[in-house]
């Protein structure tokens, strides 16, 4: 009977140990990088995507465009609203907080009537 405390070291056993350590060295670091950022769209990007969406006529083309650009339909709805004449020049509003948007909407409603 062999006792585990007295294992015999062979060159093959040493080679297995070396192979295992080299495999460990080749693995990528699994640590997740902190600080994910939201994607920001420039005015030109928003207008380009809106033009592409307006050009879609066949069923499913807008869905394909959304998948290609990596955006949601709510992005298109918001950008289309901001493209309307009463919001001309206010594409920057999309990046405001909810409270700031409510304040802008309140001011716009008072000005409009």
N, C-alpha and C. Protein backbone atom coordinates (compact mmCIF):
# COMPACT_ATOMS: atom_id res chain seq x y z
N UNK A 1 0.84 -1.18 0.00
CA UNK A 1 0.00 0.00 0.00
C UNK A 1 0.88 1.23 0.00
N UNK A 2 0.46 2.17 -0.80
CA UNK A 2 1.21 3.43 -0.86
C UNK A 2 0.54 4.46 0.02
N UNK A 3 1.33 5.19 0.69
CA UNK A 3 0.84 6.27 1.53
C UNK A 3 0.90 7.57 0.72
N UNK A 4 -0.12 8.38 0.79
CA UNK A 4 -0.16 9.62 0.01
C UNK A 4 0.94 10.59 0.41
N UNK A 5 1.39 10.53 1.63
CA UNK A 5 2.45 11.42 2.07
C UNK A 5 3.76 11.13 1.36
N UNK A 6 3.90 9.90 0.89
CA UNK A 6 5.17 9.48 0.30
C UNK A 6 5.00 9.19 -1.18
N UNK A 7 4.41 10.11 -1.91
CA UNK A 7 4.24 9.89 -3.34
C UNK A 7 5.59 10.00 -4.02
N UNK A 8 5.75 9.20 -5.03
CA UNK A 8 7.00 9.21 -5.77
C UNK A 8 6.89 10.25 -6.87
N UNK A 9 7.87 11.10 -6.94
CA UNK A 9 7.90 12.15 -7.94
C UNK A 9 8.57 11.61 -9.19
N UNK A 10 7.88 11.65 -10.31
CA UNK A 10 8.44 11.19 -11.58
C UNK A 10 8.54 12.37 -12.54
N UNK A 11 9.37 12.28 -13.55
CA UNK A 11 9.46 13.37 -14.53
C UNK A 11 8.11 13.64 -15.22
N UNK A 12 7.32 12.60 -15.44
CA UNK A 12 6.01 12.79 -16.08
C UNK A 12 5.09 13.60 -15.18
N UNK A 13 5.14 13.36 -13.88
CA UNK A 13 4.32 14.10 -12.93
C UNK A 13 4.73 15.56 -12.89
N UNK A 14 6.05 15.81 -12.98
CA UNK A 14 6.53 17.19 -13.00
C UNK A 14 6.09 17.89 -14.28
N UNK A 15 6.09 17.18 -15.41
CA UNK A 15 5.67 17.75 -16.69
C UNK A 15 4.19 18.12 -16.64
N UNK A 16 3.35 17.27 -16.03
CA UNK A 16 1.93 17.57 -15.89
C UNK A 16 1.73 18.85 -15.09
N UNK A 17 2.52 19.04 -14.06
CA UNK A 17 2.43 20.24 -13.23
C UNK A 17 2.81 21.47 -14.04
N UNK A 18 3.84 21.37 -14.87
CA UNK A 18 4.27 22.49 -15.70
C UNK A 18 3.20 22.84 -16.75
N UNK A 19 2.60 21.80 -17.35
CA UNK A 19 1.55 22.04 -18.34
C UNK A 19 0.37 22.76 -17.71
N UNK A 20 -0.01 22.37 -16.51
CA UNK A 20 -1.14 22.99 -15.84
C UNK A 20 -0.85 24.46 -15.54
N UNK A 21 0.39 24.77 -15.13
CA UNK A 21 0.71 26.16 -14.82
C UNK A 21 0.77 27.00 -16.09
N UNK A 22 1.20 26.45 -17.21
CA UNK A 22 1.25 27.21 -18.46
C UNK A 22 -0.16 27.48 -18.99
N UNK A 23 -1.08 26.53 -18.76
CA UNK A 23 -2.47 26.74 -19.16
C UNK A 23 -3.08 27.88 -18.34
N UNK A 24 -2.76 27.92 -17.04
CA UNK A 24 -3.25 28.99 -16.18
C UNK A 24 -2.75 30.34 -16.65
N UNK A 25 -1.51 30.40 -17.11
CA UNK A 25 -0.92 31.66 -17.56
C UNK A 25 -1.57 32.14 -18.86
N UNK A 26 -2.11 31.24 -19.67
CA UNK A 26 -2.70 31.61 -20.95
C UNK A 26 -4.14 32.07 -20.83
N UNK A 27 -4.80 31.80 -19.74
CA UNK A 27 -6.20 32.18 -19.58
C UNK A 27 -6.32 33.69 -19.43
N UNK A 28 -7.34 34.30 -20.04
CA UNK A 28 -7.53 35.73 -19.86
C UNK A 28 -8.03 36.05 -18.45
N UNK A 29 -7.79 37.26 -18.03
CA UNK A 29 -8.21 37.70 -16.71
C UNK A 29 -9.74 37.77 -16.67
N UNK A 30 -10.42 37.03 -15.77
CA UNK A 30 -11.88 37.00 -15.76
C UNK A 30 -12.51 38.21 -15.05
N UNK A 31 -11.71 39.11 -14.52
CA UNK A 31 -12.26 40.23 -13.77
C UNK A 31 -13.05 41.16 -14.69
N UNK A 32 -14.21 41.55 -14.23
CA UNK A 32 -15.07 42.46 -14.99
C UNK A 32 -14.59 43.89 -14.74
N UNK A 33 -14.47 44.63 -15.81
CA UNK A 33 -14.01 46.01 -15.69
C UNK A 33 -15.17 46.86 -15.20
N UNK A 34 -15.00 47.58 -14.10
CA UNK A 34 -16.09 48.41 -13.58
C UNK A 34 -16.28 49.67 -14.40
N UNK A 35 -17.43 50.27 -14.23
CA UNK A 35 -17.67 51.58 -14.84
C UNK A 35 -18.23 51.53 -16.25
N UNK A 36 -19.22 50.71 -16.49
CA UNK A 36 -19.86 50.70 -17.79
C UNK A 36 -20.52 52.05 -18.03
N UNK A 37 -20.42 52.52 -19.26
CA UNK A 37 -20.98 53.83 -19.59
C UNK A 37 -22.12 53.67 -20.57
N UNK A 38 -23.10 54.54 -20.47
CA UNK A 38 -24.18 54.54 -21.44
C UNK A 38 -23.66 55.04 -22.77
N UNK A 39 -24.25 54.54 -23.81
CA UNK A 39 -23.87 54.97 -25.14
C UNK A 39 -24.51 56.32 -25.42
N UNK A 40 -23.74 57.25 -25.91
CA UNK A 40 -24.25 58.58 -26.23
C UNK A 40 -24.24 58.75 -27.74
N UNK A 41 -25.31 59.31 -28.27
CA UNK A 41 -25.44 59.53 -29.70
C UNK A 41 -25.30 61.01 -30.00
N UNK A 42 -24.50 61.34 -31.00
CA UNK A 42 -24.38 62.73 -31.42
C UNK A 42 -25.62 63.10 -32.24
N UNK A 43 -25.79 64.39 -32.47
CA UNK A 43 -26.94 64.86 -33.25
C UNK A 43 -26.88 64.25 -34.65
N UNK A 44 -25.68 64.19 -35.23
CA UNK A 44 -25.53 63.62 -36.57
C UNK A 44 -25.92 62.14 -36.61
N UNK A 45 -25.53 61.39 -35.56
CA UNK A 45 -25.90 59.97 -35.50
C UNK A 45 -27.40 59.79 -35.39
N UNK A 46 -28.03 60.60 -34.55
CA UNK A 46 -29.48 60.51 -34.38
C UNK A 46 -30.19 60.80 -35.69
N UNK A 47 -29.76 61.85 -36.39
CA UNK A 47 -30.39 62.21 -37.66
C UNK A 47 -30.14 61.14 -38.73
N UNK A 48 -28.95 60.54 -38.73
CA UNK A 48 -28.65 59.48 -39.69
C UNK A 48 -29.54 58.27 -39.45
N UNK A 49 -29.71 57.89 -38.20
CA UNK A 49 -30.54 56.73 -37.86
C UNK A 49 -32.00 57.03 -38.18
N UNK A 50 -32.46 58.26 -37.88
CA UNK A 50 -33.84 58.63 -38.20
C UNK A 50 -34.08 58.60 -39.71
N UNK A 51 -33.12 59.08 -40.49
CA UNK A 51 -33.26 59.05 -41.95
C UNK A 51 -33.34 57.61 -42.45
N UNK A 52 -32.52 56.73 -41.88
CA UNK A 52 -32.55 55.32 -42.26
C UNK A 52 -33.88 54.69 -41.87
N UNK A 53 -34.42 55.06 -40.70
CA UNK A 53 -35.70 54.51 -40.26
C UNK A 53 -36.84 55.02 -41.14
N UNK A 54 -36.76 56.28 -41.55
CA UNK A 54 -37.79 56.83 -42.44
C UNK A 54 -37.77 56.17 -43.81
N UNK A 55 -36.62 55.67 -44.23
CA UNK A 55 -36.49 55.02 -45.53
C UNK A 55 -36.99 53.57 -45.51
N UNK A 56 -37.24 53.02 -44.35
CA UNK A 56 -37.72 51.63 -44.23
C UNK A 56 -39.17 51.56 -44.65
N UNK A 57 -39.47 50.64 -45.58
CA UNK A 57 -40.85 50.49 -46.05
C UNK A 57 -41.38 49.07 -45.87
N UNK A 58 -40.53 48.08 -46.01
CA UNK A 58 -40.97 46.68 -45.92
C UNK A 58 -41.13 46.28 -44.46
N UNK A 59 -42.05 45.35 -44.19
CA UNK A 59 -42.21 44.86 -42.82
C UNK A 59 -40.91 44.24 -42.31
N UNK A 60 -40.54 44.61 -41.10
CA UNK A 60 -39.35 44.05 -40.47
C UNK A 60 -38.08 44.85 -40.70
N UNK A 61 -38.11 45.83 -41.60
CA UNK A 61 -36.89 46.61 -41.87
C UNK A 61 -36.50 47.49 -40.68
N UNK A 62 -37.49 48.07 -40.01
CA UNK A 62 -37.17 48.91 -38.86
C UNK A 62 -36.59 48.05 -37.73
N UNK A 63 -37.15 46.88 -37.52
CA UNK A 63 -36.61 45.97 -36.51
C UNK A 63 -35.17 45.58 -36.81
N UNK A 64 -34.89 45.33 -38.09
CA UNK A 64 -33.52 44.99 -38.49
C UNK A 64 -32.59 46.18 -38.25
N UNK A 65 -33.07 47.38 -38.54
CA UNK A 65 -32.28 48.59 -38.30
C UNK A 65 -31.99 48.76 -36.80
N UNK A 66 -33.01 48.54 -35.98
CA UNK A 66 -32.83 48.67 -34.53
C UNK A 66 -31.78 47.68 -34.02
N UNK A 67 -31.84 46.45 -34.51
CA UNK A 67 -30.86 45.45 -34.10
C UNK A 67 -29.46 45.82 -34.59
N UNK A 68 -29.38 46.30 -35.83
CA UNK A 68 -28.09 46.68 -36.40
C UNK A 68 -27.44 47.81 -35.62
N UNK A 69 -28.24 48.80 -35.24
CA UNK A 69 -27.71 49.96 -34.52
C UNK A 69 -27.60 49.71 -33.02
N UNK A 70 -28.27 48.67 -32.53
CA UNK A 70 -28.22 48.36 -31.10
C UNK A 70 -29.03 49.34 -30.27
N UNK A 71 -30.18 49.74 -30.78
CA UNK A 71 -31.04 50.69 -30.07
C UNK A 71 -32.43 50.11 -29.91
N UNK A 72 -33.25 50.79 -29.11
CA UNK A 72 -34.63 50.38 -28.87
C UNK A 72 -35.58 51.29 -29.64
N UNK A 73 -36.80 50.83 -29.83
CA UNK A 73 -37.78 51.62 -30.55
C UNK A 73 -38.11 52.91 -29.80
N UNK A 74 -37.93 52.92 -28.49
CA UNK A 74 -38.18 54.14 -27.72
C UNK A 74 -37.20 55.24 -28.10
N UNK A 75 -35.98 54.86 -28.49
CA UNK A 75 -35.04 55.86 -28.98
C UNK A 75 -35.61 56.57 -30.20
N UNK A 76 -36.12 55.78 -31.16
CA UNK A 76 -36.69 56.37 -32.37
C UNK A 76 -37.87 57.27 -32.03
N UNK A 77 -38.73 56.81 -31.14
CA UNK A 77 -39.92 57.61 -30.79
C UNK A 77 -39.51 58.95 -30.17
N UNK A 78 -38.55 58.92 -29.27
CA UNK A 78 -38.09 60.15 -28.62
C UNK A 78 -37.41 61.07 -29.61
N UNK A 79 -36.54 60.51 -30.46
CA UNK A 79 -35.83 61.33 -31.43
C UNK A 79 -36.78 61.92 -32.46
N UNK A 80 -37.82 61.17 -32.84
CA UNK A 80 -38.81 61.71 -33.78
C UNK A 80 -39.57 62.87 -33.14
N UNK A 81 -39.89 62.73 -31.87
CA UNK A 81 -40.58 63.81 -31.16
C UNK A 81 -39.72 65.06 -31.12
N UNK A 82 -38.43 64.89 -30.83
CA UNK A 82 -37.53 66.03 -30.76
C UNK A 82 -37.24 66.63 -32.13
N UNK A 83 -37.51 65.89 -33.19
CA UNK A 83 -37.29 66.38 -34.55
C UNK A 83 -38.44 67.27 -35.01
N UNK A 84 -39.56 67.24 -34.31
CA UNK A 84 -40.71 68.05 -34.70
C UNK A 84 -40.37 69.53 -34.63
N UNK A 85 -41.07 70.36 -35.42
CA UNK A 85 -40.72 71.79 -35.51
C UNK A 85 -40.67 72.52 -34.17
N UNK A 86 -41.55 72.21 -33.25
CA UNK A 86 -41.55 72.94 -31.97
C UNK A 86 -40.34 72.61 -31.10
N UNK A 87 -39.62 71.52 -31.43
CA UNK A 87 -38.44 71.15 -30.66
C UNK A 87 -37.16 71.33 -31.47
N UNK A 88 -37.22 72.02 -32.61
CA UNK A 88 -36.03 72.21 -33.45
C UNK A 88 -34.88 72.77 -32.62
N UNK A 89 -33.71 72.18 -32.80
CA UNK A 89 -32.53 72.65 -32.08
C UNK A 89 -32.43 72.16 -30.65
N UNK A 90 -33.32 71.24 -30.24
CA UNK A 90 -33.31 70.77 -28.85
C UNK A 90 -32.97 69.30 -28.73
N UNK A 91 -32.15 68.78 -29.66
CA UNK A 91 -31.75 67.38 -29.56
C UNK A 91 -30.96 67.12 -28.30
N UNK A 92 -30.37 68.14 -27.72
CA UNK A 92 -29.61 67.98 -26.48
C UNK A 92 -30.51 67.60 -25.30
N UNK A 93 -31.81 67.80 -25.42
CA UNK A 93 -32.73 67.48 -24.32
C UNK A 93 -32.73 65.99 -23.98
N UNK A 94 -32.37 65.17 -24.94
CA UNK A 94 -32.41 63.73 -24.71
C UNK A 94 -31.43 63.31 -23.62
N UNK A 95 -30.39 64.10 -23.37
CA UNK A 95 -29.38 63.72 -22.39
C UNK A 95 -29.64 64.33 -21.01
N UNK A 96 -30.76 65.01 -20.83
CA UNK A 96 -31.08 65.60 -19.54
C UNK A 96 -31.71 64.58 -18.62
N UNK A 97 -31.68 64.88 -17.32
CA UNK A 97 -32.34 64.00 -16.36
C UNK A 97 -33.85 64.19 -16.47
N UNK A 98 -34.60 63.30 -15.86
CA UNK A 98 -36.05 63.35 -15.94
C UNK A 98 -36.60 64.66 -15.36
N UNK A 99 -36.04 65.10 -14.25
CA UNK A 99 -36.49 66.35 -13.64
C UNK A 99 -36.24 67.55 -14.53
N UNK A 100 -35.07 67.55 -15.17
CA UNK A 100 -34.75 68.65 -16.07
C UNK A 100 -35.66 68.65 -17.29
N UNK A 101 -35.99 67.46 -17.81
CA UNK A 101 -36.90 67.37 -18.94
C UNK A 101 -38.29 67.87 -18.56
N UNK A 102 -38.75 67.52 -17.35
CA UNK A 102 -40.06 67.99 -16.90
C UNK A 102 -40.09 69.51 -16.81
N UNK A 103 -39.00 70.10 -16.35
CA UNK A 103 -38.93 71.56 -16.26
C UNK A 103 -38.97 72.18 -17.65
N UNK A 104 -38.25 71.61 -18.60
CA UNK A 104 -38.26 72.11 -19.98
C UNK A 104 -39.66 71.96 -20.57
N UNK A 105 -40.33 70.83 -20.33
CA UNK A 105 -41.69 70.63 -20.84
C UNK A 105 -42.65 71.63 -20.24
N UNK A 106 -42.49 71.95 -18.96
CA UNK A 106 -43.35 72.93 -18.30
C UNK A 106 -43.16 74.31 -18.93
N UNK A 107 -41.91 74.69 -19.14
CA UNK A 107 -41.62 75.98 -19.76
C UNK A 107 -42.17 76.02 -21.18
N UNK A 108 -41.99 74.94 -21.93
CA UNK A 108 -42.50 74.87 -23.31
C UNK A 108 -44.03 74.98 -23.32
N UNK A 109 -44.70 74.33 -22.39
CA UNK A 109 -46.16 74.39 -22.34
C UNK A 109 -46.63 75.81 -22.02
N UNK A 110 -45.93 76.53 -21.15
CA UNK A 110 -46.31 77.90 -20.82
C UNK A 110 -46.10 78.83 -21.99
N UNK A 111 -45.03 78.62 -22.75
CA UNK A 111 -44.76 79.46 -23.92
C UNK A 111 -45.76 79.18 -25.04
N UNK A 112 -46.07 77.90 -25.24
CA UNK A 112 -46.94 77.51 -26.34
C UNK A 112 -48.39 77.92 -26.14
N UNK A 113 -48.78 78.10 -24.94
CA UNK A 113 -50.16 78.50 -24.83
C UNK A 113 -50.78 77.96 -23.63
